[in-house]
Amino acid sequence: MAKPPKDRSSSPLYTYFITANAWNGHALFQSERVVKLFLETIFDYRRQGKLRVHDFVVMRNHFHMILTPGEGVTLERVVQFIRGGFSFRAGKELGIKTEIWQRGYVDHRIRDAKDYEHHREYIRMNPVQAHLAEAPEEYPYSSAHGGFELDPVPQGLKPAD
């Protein structure tokens, strides 16, 4: 995995699309208990101000998210909170003792409103394309489903009227 550019760690104002995979493609998130614990972990860190959550989807063996790191928090640290925090809680609360995450993750810095909307649509349509739902709103483990407290689109990434 390539080293991140130095400017990423100096500014928490960037917004990213990230993807992380379960170990060896394992269907980690096939159990509702596991998915709920994962989402609790993410939203606990959100409440602590470690990150802002704009959109997400949790699939059977991976997740996608659009997020903005909290003030003074690097993207790498946010991913460590999410993956490490969940791994710790999964071991403690669910008794999961196996490897959980594939090494590394994929990130893309969102550049503008068009880029943001493209990745948001990708997240929304992921369960539909995987034949897990007929419409994005039907898939319960996605921000498209509703009922999740999300952060607004960052000011510089809002679509022009």
N, C-alpha and C. Protein backbone atom coordinates (compact mmCIF):
# COMPACT_ATOMS: atom_id res chain seq x y z
N MET A 1 0.85 -1.17 0.00
CA MET A 1 0.00 0.00 0.00
C MET A 1 0.89 1.24 0.00
N ALA A 2 0.59 2.17 -0.85
CA ALA A 2 1.39 3.38 -0.97
C ALA A 2 1.23 4.26 0.26
N LYS A 3 2.28 5.03 0.54
CA LYS A 3 2.22 5.98 1.65
C LYS A 3 1.30 7.13 1.29
N PRO A 4 0.51 7.62 2.24
CA PRO A 4 -0.38 8.74 1.95
C PRO A 4 0.41 10.03 1.77
N PRO A 5 -0.12 10.96 0.97
CA PRO A 5 0.55 12.25 0.84
C PRO A 5 0.62 12.95 2.18
N LYS A 6 1.65 13.74 2.39
CA LYS A 6 1.84 14.41 3.68
C LYS A 6 0.74 15.38 4.02
N ASP A 7 0.11 16.00 3.01
CA ASP A 7 -0.91 17.02 3.32
C ASP A 7 -2.15 16.44 3.97
N ARG A 8 -2.39 15.13 3.86
CA ARG A 8 -3.58 14.54 4.47
C ARG A 8 -3.59 14.65 5.98
N SER A 9 -2.44 14.49 6.59
CA SER A 9 -2.42 14.50 8.05
C SER A 9 -2.48 15.92 8.62
N SER A 10 -2.32 16.91 7.78
CA SER A 10 -2.28 18.26 8.30
C SER A 10 -3.64 18.96 8.26
N SER A 11 -4.62 18.41 7.55
CA SER A 11 -5.90 19.08 7.44
C SER A 11 -7.06 18.12 7.65
N PRO A 12 -7.88 18.36 8.66
CA PRO A 12 -9.03 17.49 8.89
C PRO A 12 -10.23 17.89 8.05
N LEU A 13 -10.09 18.87 7.18
CA LEU A 13 -11.23 19.39 6.44
C LEU A 13 -11.52 18.63 5.16
N TYR A 14 -10.67 17.68 4.79
CA TYR A 14 -10.93 16.89 3.60
C TYR A 14 -11.98 15.82 3.89
N THR A 15 -12.73 15.48 2.86
CA THR A 15 -13.74 14.44 2.95
C THR A 15 -13.28 13.29 2.06
N TYR A 16 -13.51 12.06 2.54
CA TYR A 16 -13.02 10.88 1.85
C TYR A 16 -14.11 9.84 1.66
N PHE A 17 -13.94 9.08 0.58
CA PHE A 17 -14.68 7.85 0.35
C PHE A 17 -13.71 6.74 0.72
N ILE A 18 -14.11 5.85 1.62
CA ILE A 18 -13.23 4.75 2.01
C ILE A 18 -13.95 3.41 1.84
N THR A 19 -13.15 2.39 1.63
CA THR A 19 -13.62 1.01 1.54
C THR A 19 -12.67 0.15 2.34
N ALA A 20 -13.21 -0.73 3.15
CA ALA A 20 -12.39 -1.71 3.87
C ALA A 20 -13.07 -3.08 3.74
N ASN A 21 -12.25 -4.09 3.55
CA ASN A 21 -12.74 -5.45 3.32
C ASN A 21 -12.50 -6.35 4.52
N ALA A 22 -13.41 -7.29 4.68
CA ALA A 22 -13.25 -8.32 5.71
C ALA A 22 -12.13 -9.27 5.29
N TRP A 23 -11.54 -9.89 6.28
CA TRP A 23 -10.43 -10.82 6.07
C TRP A 23 -10.81 -11.89 5.05
N ASN A 24 -9.99 -12.01 4.01
CA ASN A 24 -10.16 -13.03 2.96
C ASN A 24 -11.56 -13.06 2.35
N GLY A 25 -12.24 -11.93 2.32
CA GLY A 25 -13.58 -11.87 1.73
C GLY A 25 -14.65 -12.55 2.55
N HIS A 26 -14.33 -12.88 3.80
CA HIS A 26 -15.28 -13.55 4.70
C HIS A 26 -16.55 -12.71 4.85
N ALA A 27 -17.69 -13.36 4.89
CA ALA A 27 -18.98 -12.67 5.05
C ALA A 27 -19.16 -12.26 6.51
N LEU A 28 -18.33 -11.35 6.95
CA LEU A 28 -18.32 -10.88 8.34
C LEU A 28 -19.66 -10.29 8.77
N PHE A 29 -20.28 -9.54 7.86
CA PHE A 29 -21.48 -8.79 8.22
C PHE A 29 -22.76 -9.49 7.81
N GLN A 30 -22.79 -10.82 7.87
CA GLN A 30 -24.02 -11.54 7.54
C GLN A 30 -24.96 -11.62 8.74
N SER A 31 -24.45 -11.37 9.93
CA SER A 31 -25.25 -11.41 11.14
C SER A 31 -25.67 -9.99 11.54
N GLU A 32 -26.92 -9.82 11.86
CA GLU A 32 -27.43 -8.51 12.28
C GLU A 32 -26.71 -8.01 13.53
N ARG A 33 -26.38 -8.92 14.45
CA ARG A 33 -25.65 -8.52 15.67
C ARG A 33 -24.31 -7.89 15.34
N VAL A 34 -23.61 -8.47 14.37
CA VAL A 34 -22.30 -7.96 13.98
C VAL A 34 -22.44 -6.59 13.32
N VAL A 35 -23.40 -6.47 12.41
CA VAL A 35 -23.60 -5.18 11.73
C VAL A 35 -23.99 -4.10 12.73
N LYS A 36 -24.88 -4.41 13.64
CA LYS A 36 -25.31 -3.41 14.62
C LYS A 36 -24.15 -2.97 15.51
N LEU A 37 -23.29 -3.89 15.91
CA LEU A 37 -22.13 -3.53 16.72
C LEU A 37 -21.17 -2.65 15.90
N PHE A 38 -21.00 -2.98 14.64
CA PHE A 38 -20.14 -2.18 13.77
C PHE A 38 -20.67 -0.74 13.66
N LEU A 39 -21.97 -0.61 13.42
CA LEU A 39 -22.57 0.72 13.30
C LEU A 39 -22.52 1.47 14.64
N GLU A 40 -22.73 0.77 15.74
CA GLU A 40 -22.60 1.41 17.06
C GLU A 40 -21.19 1.96 17.24
N THR A 41 -20.21 1.19 16.83
CA THR A 41 -18.81 1.61 16.96
C THR A 41 -18.58 2.90 16.16
N ILE A 42 -19.02 2.92 14.92
CA ILE A 42 -18.85 4.11 14.08
C ILE A 42 -19.53 5.32 14.71
N PHE A 43 -20.77 5.15 15.12
CA PHE A 43 -21.52 6.29 15.63
C PHE A 43 -21.06 6.71 17.03
N ASP A 44 -20.46 5.80 17.79
CA ASP A 44 -19.82 6.20 19.06
C ASP A 44 -18.65 7.14 18.78
N TYR A 45 -17.83 6.80 17.80
CA TYR A 45 -16.72 7.69 17.45
C TYR A 45 -17.23 9.00 16.86
N ARG A 46 -18.33 8.95 16.14
CA ARG A 46 -18.93 10.18 15.62
C ARG A 46 -19.34 11.11 16.77
N ARG A 47 -19.99 10.53 17.77
CA ARG A 47 -20.43 11.32 18.94
C ARG A 47 -19.24 11.93 19.69
N GLN A 48 -18.12 11.24 19.66
CA GLN A 48 -16.90 11.73 20.31
C GLN A 48 -16.19 12.80 19.47
N GLY A 49 -16.69 13.06 18.26
CA GLY A 49 -16.09 14.07 17.41
C GLY A 49 -14.88 13.59 16.62
N LYS A 50 -14.67 12.28 16.57
CA LYS A 50 -13.51 11.74 15.85
C LYS A 50 -13.72 11.78 14.33
N LEU A 51 -14.98 11.77 13.90
CA LEU A 51 -15.28 11.79 12.48
C LEU A 51 -16.70 12.30 12.25
N ARG A 52 -16.94 12.71 11.02
CA ARG A 52 -18.28 13.05 10.57
C ARG A 52 -18.67 12.00 9.55
N VAL A 53 -19.88 11.47 9.68
CA VAL A 53 -20.37 10.42 8.80
C VAL A 53 -21.40 11.04 7.85
N HIS A 54 -21.11 10.96 6.55
CA HIS A 54 -22.01 11.55 5.56
C HIS A 54 -22.87 10.51 4.87
N ASP A 55 -22.30 9.38 4.52
CA ASP A 55 -23.03 8.27 3.88
C ASP A 55 -22.25 6.99 4.13
N PHE A 56 -22.97 5.86 4.12
CA PHE A 56 -22.29 4.57 4.32
C PHE A 56 -23.17 3.44 3.83
N VAL A 57 -22.54 2.30 3.61
CA VAL A 57 -23.24 1.03 3.40
C VAL A 57 -22.36 -0.06 3.97
N VAL A 58 -22.97 -1.01 4.64
CA VAL A 58 -22.27 -2.17 5.18
C VAL A 58 -22.76 -3.38 4.39
N MET A 59 -21.89 -3.94 3.59
CA MET A 59 -22.21 -5.11 2.78
C MET A 59 -21.76 -6.36 3.54
N ARG A 60 -21.93 -7.52 2.96
CA ARG A 60 -21.60 -8.76 3.67
C ARG A 60 -20.12 -8.90 4.01
N ASN A 61 -19.25 -8.41 3.12
CA ASN A 61 -17.81 -8.61 3.36
C ASN A 61 -16.99 -7.33 3.25
N HIS A 62 -17.65 -6.18 3.25
CA HIS A 62 -16.92 -4.92 3.19
C HIS A 62 -17.86 -3.77 3.56
N PHE A 63 -17.28 -2.59 3.72
CA PHE A 63 -18.11 -1.40 3.89
C PHE A 63 -17.53 -0.26 3.08
N HIS A 64 -18.41 0.66 2.72
CA HIS A 64 -18.03 1.91 2.05
C HIS A 64 -18.55 3.04 2.92
N MET A 65 -17.83 4.14 2.96
CA MET A 65 -18.27 5.27 3.76
C MET A 65 -17.72 6.56 3.17
N ILE A 66 -18.51 7.61 3.26
CA ILE A 66 -18.01 8.95 3.00
C ILE A 66 -17.93 9.61 4.36
N LEU A 67 -16.74 10.07 4.71
CA LEU A 67 -16.52 10.65 6.04
C LEU A 67 -15.57 11.82 5.97
N THR A 68 -15.62 12.62 7.00
CA THR A 68 -14.66 13.70 7.20
C THR A 68 -14.04 13.49 8.57
N PRO A 69 -12.71 13.38 8.65
CA PRO A 69 -12.08 13.24 9.96
C PRO A 69 -12.40 14.44 10.86
N GLY A 70 -12.48 14.19 12.15
CA GLY A 70 -12.72 15.26 13.11
C GLY A 70 -11.54 16.20 13.20
N GLU A 71 -11.73 17.30 13.87
CA GLU A 71 -10.68 18.31 14.03
C GLU A 71 -9.42 17.69 14.62
N GLY A 72 -8.31 17.82 13.92
CA GLY A 72 -7.03 17.32 14.41
C GLY A 72 -6.84 15.82 14.31
N VAL A 73 -7.73 15.11 13.62
CA VAL A 73 -7.65 13.66 13.48
C VAL A 73 -7.33 13.33 12.02
N THR A 74 -6.34 12.48 11.80
CA THR A 74 -5.99 12.09 10.44
C THR A 74 -6.95 11.01 9.93
N LEU A 75 -6.98 10.86 8.63
CA LEU A 75 -7.78 9.79 8.04
C LEU A 75 -7.30 8.42 8.54
N GLU A 76 -6.00 8.25 8.59
CA GLU A 76 -5.46 6.97 9.04
C GLU A 76 -5.92 6.64 10.45
N ARG A 77 -5.95 7.64 11.31
CA ARG A 77 -6.40 7.44 12.69
C ARG A 77 -7.89 7.10 12.74
N VAL A 78 -8.68 7.76 11.90
CA VAL A 78 -10.12 7.46 11.85
C VAL A 78 -10.35 6.01 11.45
N VAL A 79 -9.64 5.56 10.42
CA VAL A 79 -9.79 4.17 9.99
C VAL A 79 -9.33 3.22 11.09
N GLN A 80 -8.29 3.59 11.81
CA GLN A 80 -7.83 2.78 12.94
C GLN A 80 -8.90 2.72 14.02
N PHE A 81 -9.54 3.86 14.32
CA PHE A 81 -10.63 3.85 15.30
C PHE A 81 -11.73 2.89 14.87
N ILE A 82 -12.16 3.02 13.62
CA ILE A 82 -13.28 2.21 13.12
C ILE A 82 -12.93 0.72 13.15
N ARG A 83 -11.84 0.37 12.49
CA ARG A 83 -11.50 -1.05 12.38
C ARG A 83 -11.00 -1.63 13.69
N GLY A 84 -10.10 -0.92 14.35
CA GLY A 84 -9.56 -1.41 15.62
C GLY A 84 -10.60 -1.41 16.72
N GLY A 85 -11.39 -0.35 16.77
CA GLY A 85 -12.45 -0.26 17.78
C GLY A 85 -13.48 -1.36 17.62
N PHE A 86 -13.86 -1.61 16.36
CA PHE A 86 -14.82 -2.68 16.11
C PHE A 86 -14.21 -4.04 16.44
N SER A 87 -12.96 -4.27 16.04
CA SER A 87 -12.31 -5.57 16.31
C SER A 87 -12.26 -5.84 17.81
N PHE A 88 -11.90 -4.81 18.58
CA PHE A 88 -11.85 -4.96 20.04
C PHE A 88 -13.23 -5.31 20.59
N ARG A 89 -14.25 -4.54 20.18
CA ARG A 89 -15.60 -4.79 20.69
C ARG A 89 -16.16 -6.13 20.22
N ALA A 90 -15.85 -6.52 18.98
CA ALA A 90 -16.33 -7.80 18.45
C ALA A 90 -15.74 -8.96 19.26
N GLY A 91 -14.48 -8.84 19.64
CA GLY A 91 -13.86 -9.87 20.46
C GLY A 91 -14.47 -9.92 21.84
N LYS A 92 -14.64 -8.74 22.44
CA LYS A 92 -15.14 -8.65 23.81
C LYS A 92 -16.64 -8.97 23.92
N GLU A 93 -17.43 -8.39 23.02
CA GLU A 93 -18.89 -8.49 23.15
C GLU A 93 -19.51 -9.66 22.37
N LEU A 94 -18.84 -10.10 21.29
CA LEU A 94 -19.41 -11.17 20.47
C LEU A 94 -18.56 -12.44 20.47
N GLY A 95 -17.40 -12.37 21.11
CA GLY A 95 -16.53 -13.54 21.18
C GLY A 95 -15.83 -13.87 19.86
N ILE A 96 -15.74 -12.92 18.96
CA ILE A 96 -15.06 -13.16 17.69
C ILE A 96 -13.55 -13.09 17.93
N LYS A 97 -12.88 -14.19 17.71
CA LYS A 97 -11.44 -14.27 17.99
C LYS A 97 -10.60 -14.40 16.71
N THR A 98 -11.25 -14.48 15.56
CA THR A 98 -10.52 -14.63 14.31
C THR A 98 -10.09 -13.28 13.77
N GLU A 99 -9.24 -13.31 12.75
CA GLU A 99 -8.83 -12.10 12.04
C GLU A 99 -10.10 -11.48 11.44
N ILE A 100 -10.22 -10.17 11.49
CA ILE A 100 -11.44 -9.51 11.02
C ILE A 100 -11.23 -8.76 9.72
N TRP A 101 -10.15 -8.00 9.61
CA TRP A 101 -9.97 -7.08 8.48
C TRP A 101 -8.85 -7.51 7.55
N GLN A 102 -9.08 -7.34 6.27
CA GLN A 102 -8.02 -7.47 5.28
C GLN A 102 -7.03 -6.33 5.50
N ARG A 103 -5.79 -6.57 5.28
CA ARG A 103 -4.77 -5.54 5.47
C ARG A 103 -5.04 -4.37 4.51
N GLY A 104 -4.87 -3.16 5.00
CA GLY A 104 -5.04 -1.97 4.17
C GLY A 104 -6.49 -1.60 3.95
N TYR A 105 -6.68 -0.52 3.25
CA TYR A 105 -8.01 -0.04 2.88
C TYR A 105 -7.83 0.87 1.67
N VAL A 106 -8.93 1.20 1.04
CA VAL A 106 -8.90 2.06 -0.13
C VAL A 106 -9.51 3.39 0.27
N ASP A 107 -8.86 4.48 -0.13
CA ASP A 107 -9.44 5.79 0.13
C ASP A 107 -9.34 6.66 -1.11
N HIS A 108 -10.26 7.58 -1.21
CA HIS A 108 -10.29 8.54 -2.31
C HIS A 108 -10.73 9.88 -1.72
N ARG A 109 -9.94 10.90 -1.92
CA ARG A 109 -10.32 12.22 -1.43
C ARG A 109 -11.38 12.81 -2.36
N ILE A 110 -12.49 13.22 -1.78
CA ILE A 110 -13.58 13.82 -2.56
C ILE A 110 -13.14 15.23 -2.97
N ARG A 111 -13.21 15.52 -4.26
CA ARG A 111 -12.67 16.77 -4.78
C ARG A 111 -13.71 17.89 -4.94
N ASP A 112 -14.94 17.52 -5.29
CA ASP A 112 -15.96 18.55 -5.56
C ASP A 112 -17.35 17.93 -5.45
N ALA A 113 -18.37 18.73 -5.71
CA ALA A 113 -19.76 18.27 -5.55
C ALA A 113 -20.08 17.10 -6.48
N LYS A 114 -19.57 17.14 -7.68
CA LYS A 114 -19.83 16.06 -8.64
C LYS A 114 -19.21 14.75 -8.15
N ASP A 115 -17.98 14.82 -7.66
CA ASP A 115 -17.28 13.66 -7.12
C ASP A 115 -18.02 13.11 -5.90
N TYR A 116 -18.47 14.01 -5.03
CA TYR A 116 -19.23 13.60 -3.85
C TYR A 116 -20.49 12.85 -4.27
N GLU A 117 -21.25 13.41 -5.20
CA GLU A 117 -22.50 12.79 -5.64
C GLU A 117 -22.26 11.45 -6.31
N HIS A 118 -21.18 11.34 -7.08
CA HIS A 118 -20.84 10.07 -7.72
C HIS A 118 -20.62 8.97 -6.67
N HIS A 119 -19.84 9.27 -5.64
CA HIS A 119 -19.55 8.28 -4.60
C HIS A 119 -20.76 8.01 -3.72
N ARG A 120 -21.56 9.02 -3.49
CA ARG A 120 -22.80 8.83 -2.73
C ARG A 120 -23.74 7.87 -3.47
N GLU A 121 -23.87 8.06 -4.76
CA GLU A 121 -24.72 7.19 -5.57
C GLU A 121 -24.16 5.76 -5.60
N TYR A 122 -22.85 5.63 -5.66
CA TYR A 122 -22.23 4.32 -5.62
C TYR A 122 -22.59 3.59 -4.33
N ILE A 123 -22.50 4.30 -3.21
CA ILE A 123 -22.86 3.72 -1.91
C ILE A 123 -24.32 3.30 -1.91
N ARG A 124 -25.19 4.18 -2.34
CA ARG A 124 -26.63 3.90 -2.34
C ARG A 124 -26.98 2.68 -3.19
N MET A 125 -26.32 2.55 -4.34
CA MET A 125 -26.69 1.49 -5.29
C MET A 125 -25.96 0.17 -5.04
N ASN A 126 -24.97 0.13 -4.17
CA ASN A 126 -24.20 -1.08 -3.92
C ASN A 126 -25.08 -2.28 -3.56
N PRO A 127 -26.02 -2.16 -2.61
CA PRO A 127 -26.87 -3.31 -2.29
C PRO A 127 -27.83 -3.69 -3.42
N VAL A 128 -28.23 -2.73 -4.21
CA VAL A 128 -29.11 -3.01 -5.35
C VAL A 128 -28.35 -3.81 -6.39
N GLN A 129 -27.15 -3.39 -6.72
CA GLN A 129 -26.33 -4.10 -7.70
C GLN A 129 -25.93 -5.49 -7.22
N ALA A 130 -25.85 -5.67 -5.91
CA ALA A 130 -25.52 -6.99 -5.34
C ALA A 130 -26.78 -7.85 -5.15
N HIS A 131 -27.92 -7.35 -5.59
CA HIS A 131 -29.21 -8.06 -5.50
C HIS A 131 -29.62 -8.35 -4.05
N LEU A 132 -29.28 -7.42 -3.16
CA LEU A 132 -29.70 -7.54 -1.76
C LEU A 132 -30.93 -6.70 -1.47
N ALA A 133 -31.28 -5.83 -2.41
CA ALA A 133 -32.47 -4.98 -2.28
C ALA A 133 -32.86 -4.51 -3.68
N GLU A 134 -34.13 -4.17 -3.82
CA GLU A 134 -34.58 -3.66 -5.12
C GLU A 134 -34.42 -2.16 -5.23
N ALA A 135 -34.38 -1.49 -4.10
CA ALA A 135 -34.18 -0.04 -4.05
C ALA A 135 -33.24 0.27 -2.89
N PRO A 136 -32.45 1.33 -3.00
CA PRO A 136 -31.49 1.66 -1.93
C PRO A 136 -32.13 1.79 -0.56
N GLU A 137 -33.32 2.35 -0.49
CA GLU A 137 -34.01 2.58 0.79
C GLU A 137 -34.41 1.29 1.49
N GLU A 138 -34.46 0.19 0.77
CA GLU A 138 -34.87 -1.10 1.33
C GLU A 138 -33.76 -1.80 2.11
N TYR A 139 -32.53 -1.44 1.85
CA TYR A 139 -31.41 -2.13 2.49
C TYR A 139 -31.16 -1.52 3.86
N PRO A 140 -31.32 -2.30 4.94
CA PRO A 140 -31.29 -1.73 6.29
C PRO A 140 -29.93 -1.24 6.79
N TYR A 141 -28.84 -1.66 6.15
CA TYR A 141 -27.52 -1.31 6.65
C TYR A 141 -26.84 -0.25 5.78
N SER A 142 -27.63 0.74 5.44
CA SER A 142 -27.16 1.81 4.58
C SER A 142 -27.77 3.13 5.03
N SER A 143 -27.04 4.20 4.83
CA SER A 143 -27.58 5.52 5.15
C SER A 143 -28.78 5.85 4.28
N ALA A 144 -28.93 5.19 3.13
CA ALA A 144 -30.09 5.41 2.26
C ALA A 144 -31.38 4.91 2.92
N HIS A 145 -31.24 3.98 3.84
CA HIS A 145 -32.41 3.40 4.52
C HIS A 145 -33.08 4.41 5.45
N GLY A 146 -32.33 5.33 5.96
CA GLY A 146 -32.89 6.34 6.88
C GLY A 146 -32.75 5.89 8.32
N GLY A 147 -33.07 6.80 9.22
CA GLY A 147 -33.02 6.50 10.64
C GLY A 147 -31.66 6.67 11.27
N PHE A 148 -30.67 7.07 10.50
CA PHE A 148 -29.32 7.28 11.03
C PHE A 148 -29.06 8.78 11.10
N GLU A 149 -28.38 9.20 12.15
CA GLU A 149 -28.04 10.61 12.29
C GLU A 149 -26.74 10.87 11.53
N LEU A 150 -26.89 11.47 10.36
CA LEU A 150 -25.76 11.74 9.48
C LEU A 150 -25.36 13.20 9.57
N ASP A 151 -24.12 13.45 9.19
CA ASP A 151 -23.63 14.82 9.14
C ASP A 151 -23.93 15.38 7.75
N PRO A 152 -24.17 16.69 7.69
CA PRO A 152 -24.48 17.29 6.38
C PRO A 152 -23.30 17.23 5.43
N VAL A 153 -23.60 17.39 4.16
CA VAL A 153 -22.56 17.46 3.15
C VAL A 153 -21.67 18.65 3.48
N PRO A 154 -20.36 18.47 3.48
CA PRO A 154 -19.47 19.61 3.75
C PRO A 154 -19.73 20.77 2.79
N GLN A 155 -19.59 21.97 3.28
CA GLN A 155 -19.95 23.17 2.54
C GLN A 155 -19.38 23.22 1.13
N GLY A 156 -18.12 22.96 0.97
CA GLY A 156 -17.50 23.04 -0.35
C GLY A 156 -17.89 21.93 -1.30
N LEU A 157 -18.63 20.94 -0.81
CA LEU A 157 -19.03 19.79 -1.65
C LEU A 157 -20.52 19.75 -1.95
N LYS A 158 -21.23 20.78 -1.53
CA LYS A 158 -22.67 20.83 -1.79
C LYS A 158 -22.88 21.14 -3.26
N PRO A 159 -23.90 20.51 -3.87
CA PRO A 159 -24.16 20.81 -5.27
C PRO A 159 -24.61 22.26 -5.46
N ALA A 160 -24.24 22.82 -6.58
CA ALA A 160 -24.67 24.20 -6.89
C ALA A 160 -26.16 24.19 -7.24
N ASP A 161 -26.86 25.22 -6.82
CA ASP A 161 -28.29 25.30 -7.12
C ASP A 161 -28.54 25.71 -8.55
